[in-house]
Amino acid sequence: MTQAILVMHEKNGDYYRMNKTSFEKLPVIGEHIYNSDGLTYLIEDVVSLAGYESTKAVTAILVVKPTAKTDPVSELYGLDPEKDFEM
């Protein structure tokens, strides 16, 4: 399991931390992921921390940007993630 921090890349060039998550297989640049907020993000960059292995700490940083809600990848098998993830 790879622990990663998701870092948002905003249009104005700023970055901010979103959350920490785990992946069986680390995504690569150009792939899309679904976050726990129910939205789809495009992987812009993957920063692996060389030689660092830990089960409790982060081993990679993923720089992501949100995809448009009209983008077909935002459709999760016909489900509405915004409604499905409501608590």
N, C-alpha and C. Protein backbone atom coordinates (compact mmCIF):
# COMPACT_ATOMS: atom_id res chain seq x y z
N MET A 1 0.84 -1.18 0.00
CA MET A 1 0.00 0.00 0.00
C MET A 1 0.89 1.24 0.00
N THR A 2 0.58 2.17 -0.88
CA THR A 2 1.35 3.42 -0.96
C THR A 2 0.53 4.54 -0.36
N GLN A 3 1.08 5.20 0.64
CA GLN A 3 0.43 6.36 1.25
C GLN A 3 0.80 7.59 0.43
N ALA A 4 -0.18 8.42 0.13
CA ALA A 4 0.09 9.62 -0.67
C ALA A 4 -0.71 10.80 -0.14
N ILE A 5 -0.14 11.98 -0.29
CA ILE A 5 -0.86 13.22 -0.02
C ILE A 5 -1.35 13.75 -1.35
N LEU A 6 -2.62 14.12 -1.42
CA LEU A 6 -3.15 14.76 -2.62
C LEU A 6 -2.98 16.26 -2.45
N VAL A 7 -2.36 16.89 -3.44
CA VAL A 7 -2.14 18.33 -3.42
C VAL A 7 -2.85 18.93 -4.62
N MET A 8 -3.74 19.88 -4.36
CA MET A 8 -4.51 20.50 -5.44
C MET A 8 -3.70 21.59 -6.13
N HIS A 9 -3.72 21.59 -7.46
CA HIS A 9 -3.10 22.64 -8.25
C HIS A 9 -4.22 23.50 -8.78
N GLU A 10 -4.34 24.70 -8.26
CA GLU A 10 -5.41 25.61 -8.67
C GLU A 10 -5.03 26.38 -9.93
N LYS A 11 -6.02 26.93 -10.60
CA LYS A 11 -5.81 27.66 -11.85
C LYS A 11 -4.87 28.85 -11.67
N ASN A 12 -4.89 29.46 -10.50
CA ASN A 12 -4.04 30.64 -10.29
C ASN A 12 -2.60 30.27 -9.90
N GLY A 13 -2.27 28.99 -9.95
CA GLY A 13 -0.90 28.56 -9.69
C GLY A 13 -0.61 28.17 -8.25
N ASP A 14 -1.59 28.31 -7.36
CA ASP A 14 -1.40 27.94 -5.96
C ASP A 14 -1.59 26.45 -5.75
N TYR A 15 -1.03 25.93 -4.68
CA TYR A 15 -1.18 24.54 -4.29
C TYR A 15 -1.69 24.48 -2.86
N TYR A 16 -2.53 23.48 -2.55
CA TYR A 16 -2.91 23.26 -1.16
C TYR A 16 -3.17 21.78 -0.93
N ARG A 17 -2.94 21.35 0.28
CA ARG A 17 -3.13 19.94 0.63
C ARG A 17 -4.61 19.62 0.72
N MET A 18 -5.01 18.51 0.12
CA MET A 18 -6.40 18.07 0.19
C MET A 18 -6.58 17.02 1.28
N ASN A 19 -5.90 15.89 1.14
CA ASN A 19 -6.01 14.83 2.14
C ASN A 19 -4.92 13.78 1.94
N LYS A 20 -4.85 12.83 2.86
CA LYS A 20 -3.92 11.71 2.74
C LYS A 20 -4.74 10.48 2.38
N THR A 21 -4.23 9.68 1.46
CA THR A 21 -4.96 8.50 1.02
C THR A 21 -3.98 7.38 0.71
N SER A 22 -4.50 6.20 0.45
CA SER A 22 -3.66 5.03 0.15
C SER A 22 -4.04 4.45 -1.21
N PHE A 23 -3.06 3.90 -1.90
CA PHE A 23 -3.28 3.27 -3.19
C PHE A 23 -2.58 1.92 -3.21
N GLU A 24 -3.23 0.92 -3.79
CA GLU A 24 -2.57 -0.36 -4.03
C GLU A 24 -1.44 -0.17 -5.03
N LYS A 25 -1.75 0.55 -6.11
CA LYS A 25 -0.77 0.84 -7.16
C LYS A 25 -0.82 2.35 -7.38
N LEU A 26 0.31 3.00 -7.24
CA LEU A 26 0.36 4.45 -7.36
C LEU A 26 -0.07 4.90 -8.76
N PRO A 27 -1.01 5.86 -8.86
CA PRO A 27 -1.43 6.36 -10.17
C PRO A 27 -0.26 7.03 -10.89
N VAL A 28 -0.40 7.19 -12.20
CA VAL A 28 0.63 7.84 -13.01
C VAL A 28 0.04 9.13 -13.60
N ILE A 29 0.93 9.98 -14.08
CA ILE A 29 0.51 11.24 -14.70
C ILE A 29 -0.46 10.95 -15.84
N GLY A 30 -1.56 11.69 -15.87
CA GLY A 30 -2.56 11.53 -16.93
C GLY A 30 -3.74 10.66 -16.53
N GLU A 31 -3.61 9.88 -15.45
CA GLU A 31 -4.73 9.07 -14.97
C GLU A 31 -5.69 9.92 -14.16
N HIS A 32 -6.92 9.43 -14.04
CA HIS A 32 -7.93 10.09 -13.23
C HIS A 32 -8.15 9.28 -11.97
N ILE A 33 -8.46 9.98 -10.87
CA ILE A 33 -8.83 9.31 -9.63
C ILE A 33 -10.13 9.91 -9.13
N TYR A 34 -10.87 9.13 -8.36
CA TYR A 34 -12.05 9.62 -7.68
C TYR A 34 -11.66 9.81 -6.22
N ASN A 35 -11.91 11.00 -5.70
CA ASN A 35 -11.57 11.30 -4.31
C ASN A 35 -12.79 11.07 -3.43
N SER A 36 -12.57 11.08 -2.12
CA SER A 36 -13.66 10.85 -1.17
C SER A 36 -14.69 11.98 -1.19
N ASP A 37 -14.38 13.10 -1.84
CA ASP A 37 -15.36 14.17 -1.97
C ASP A 37 -16.33 13.93 -3.12
N GLY A 38 -16.15 12.80 -3.83
CA GLY A 38 -17.05 12.44 -4.92
C GLY A 38 -16.71 13.08 -6.25
N LEU A 39 -15.59 13.79 -6.31
CA LEU A 39 -15.19 14.45 -7.55
C LEU A 39 -14.03 13.72 -8.21
N THR A 40 -13.86 13.99 -9.50
CA THR A 40 -12.80 13.36 -10.28
C THR A 40 -11.65 14.32 -10.46
N TYR A 41 -10.43 13.79 -10.32
CA TYR A 41 -9.23 14.61 -10.45
C TYR A 41 -8.26 13.98 -11.43
N LEU A 42 -7.55 14.83 -12.17
CA LEU A 42 -6.53 14.39 -13.10
C LEU A 42 -5.18 14.49 -12.40
N ILE A 43 -4.37 13.43 -12.50
CA ILE A 43 -3.03 13.43 -11.91
C ILE A 43 -2.12 14.26 -12.81
N GLU A 44 -1.57 15.35 -12.27
CA GLU A 44 -0.65 16.21 -13.02
C GLU A 44 0.81 15.84 -12.78
N ASP A 45 1.13 15.40 -11.56
CA ASP A 45 2.51 15.08 -11.23
C ASP A 45 2.53 14.08 -10.08
N VAL A 46 3.55 13.23 -10.06
CA VAL A 46 3.75 12.25 -8.99
C VAL A 46 5.16 12.47 -8.45
N VAL A 47 5.24 12.75 -7.17
CA VAL A 47 6.54 12.98 -6.54
C VAL A 47 6.75 11.86 -5.52
N SER A 48 7.62 10.91 -5.84
CA SER A 48 7.93 9.83 -4.91
C SER A 48 9.09 10.25 -4.02
N LEU A 49 9.03 9.91 -2.75
CA LEU A 49 10.10 10.24 -1.83
C LEU A 49 11.10 9.09 -1.89
N ALA A 50 12.22 9.30 -2.53
CA ALA A 50 13.20 8.26 -2.85
C ALA A 50 13.71 7.54 -1.61
N GLY A 51 13.66 6.21 -1.67
CA GLY A 51 14.23 5.38 -0.61
C GLY A 51 13.46 5.42 0.70
N TYR A 52 12.26 5.95 0.69
CA TYR A 52 11.51 6.10 1.93
C TYR A 52 10.35 5.12 1.94
N GLU A 53 10.32 4.22 2.89
CA GLU A 53 9.24 3.25 3.03
C GLU A 53 8.70 3.30 4.45
N SER A 54 7.41 3.40 4.58
CA SER A 54 6.78 3.43 5.90
C SER A 54 5.32 3.03 5.77
N THR A 55 4.82 2.34 6.77
CA THR A 55 3.40 1.97 6.75
C THR A 55 2.54 3.07 7.37
N LYS A 56 3.15 4.02 8.08
CA LYS A 56 2.40 5.07 8.75
C LYS A 56 2.55 6.44 8.11
N ALA A 57 3.59 6.63 7.34
CA ALA A 57 3.84 7.96 6.79
C ALA A 57 3.63 7.98 5.28
N VAL A 58 3.65 9.16 4.73
CA VAL A 58 3.45 9.37 3.30
C VAL A 58 4.71 8.98 2.54
N THR A 59 4.53 8.32 1.40
CA THR A 59 5.67 7.93 0.56
C THR A 59 5.61 8.58 -0.81
N ALA A 60 4.57 9.38 -1.09
CA ALA A 60 4.45 10.06 -2.38
C ALA A 60 3.53 11.27 -2.24
N ILE A 61 3.70 12.20 -3.16
CA ILE A 61 2.82 13.36 -3.25
C ILE A 61 2.23 13.35 -4.66
N LEU A 62 0.91 13.44 -4.75
CA LEU A 62 0.22 13.49 -6.04
C LEU A 62 -0.34 14.89 -6.24
N VAL A 63 0.08 15.56 -7.31
CA VAL A 63 -0.45 16.87 -7.65
C VAL A 63 -1.62 16.64 -8.60
N VAL A 64 -2.80 17.13 -8.21
CA VAL A 64 -4.02 16.88 -8.99
C VAL A 64 -4.71 18.19 -9.34
N LYS A 65 -5.56 18.12 -10.36
CA LYS A 65 -6.45 19.24 -10.67
C LYS A 65 -7.83 18.66 -10.96
N PRO A 66 -8.88 19.39 -10.62
CA PRO A 66 -10.24 18.87 -10.83
C PRO A 66 -10.59 18.80 -12.31
N THR A 67 -11.40 17.82 -12.66
CA THR A 67 -11.91 17.74 -14.02
C THR A 67 -13.26 18.45 -14.07
N ALA A 68 -13.64 18.89 -15.25
CA ALA A 68 -14.93 19.57 -15.41
C ALA A 68 -16.06 18.58 -15.15
N LYS A 69 -17.13 19.06 -14.56
CA LYS A 69 -18.28 18.19 -14.30
C LYS A 69 -18.91 17.67 -15.58
N THR A 70 -18.66 18.36 -16.69
CA THR A 70 -19.20 17.92 -17.98
C THR A 70 -18.31 16.91 -18.67
N ASP A 71 -17.11 16.71 -18.16
CA ASP A 71 -16.17 15.73 -18.73
C ASP A 71 -16.73 14.33 -18.50
N PRO A 72 -16.74 13.47 -19.52
CA PRO A 72 -17.30 12.12 -19.36
C PRO A 72 -16.67 11.32 -18.22
N VAL A 73 -15.39 11.58 -17.90
CA VAL A 73 -14.75 10.83 -16.83
C VAL A 73 -15.38 11.16 -15.47
N SER A 74 -16.09 12.28 -15.37
CA SER A 74 -16.76 12.65 -14.12
C SER A 74 -18.00 11.80 -13.85
N GLU A 75 -18.45 11.07 -14.85
CA GLU A 75 -19.59 10.17 -14.70
C GLU A 75 -19.08 8.82 -14.19
N LEU A 76 -19.46 8.45 -13.00
CA LEU A 76 -19.00 7.20 -12.40
C LEU A 76 -20.06 6.12 -12.63
N TYR A 77 -19.97 5.45 -13.78
CA TYR A 77 -20.89 4.35 -14.11
C TYR A 77 -22.35 4.73 -13.93
N GLY A 78 -22.69 5.95 -14.31
CA GLY A 78 -24.08 6.39 -14.25
C GLY A 78 -24.53 6.81 -12.87
N LEU A 79 -23.65 6.79 -11.89
CA LEU A 79 -24.01 7.21 -10.54
C LEU A 79 -23.79 8.70 -10.40
N ASP A 80 -24.34 9.28 -9.36
CA ASP A 80 -24.14 10.70 -9.07
C ASP A 80 -23.30 10.77 -7.80
N PRO A 81 -21.95 10.84 -7.92
CA PRO A 81 -21.10 10.81 -6.74
C PRO A 81 -21.42 11.86 -5.70
N GLU A 82 -21.83 13.06 -6.13
CA GLU A 82 -22.14 14.10 -5.14
C GLU A 82 -23.27 13.67 -4.23
N LYS A 83 -24.28 13.00 -4.77
CA LYS A 83 -25.39 12.52 -3.95
C LYS A 83 -25.00 11.24 -3.20
N ASP A 84 -24.27 10.35 -3.87
CA ASP A 84 -23.92 9.06 -3.27
C ASP A 84 -22.98 9.18 -2.08
N PHE A 85 -22.14 10.24 -2.07
CA PHE A 85 -21.20 10.41 -0.99
C PHE A 85 -21.73 11.31 0.14
N GLU A 86 -22.97 11.78 0.01
CA GLU A 86 -23.53 12.64 1.06
C GLU A 86 -23.66 11.85 2.34
N MET A 87 -23.42 12.53 3.42
CA MET A 87 -23.52 11.88 4.74
C MET A 87 -24.73 12.39 5.46
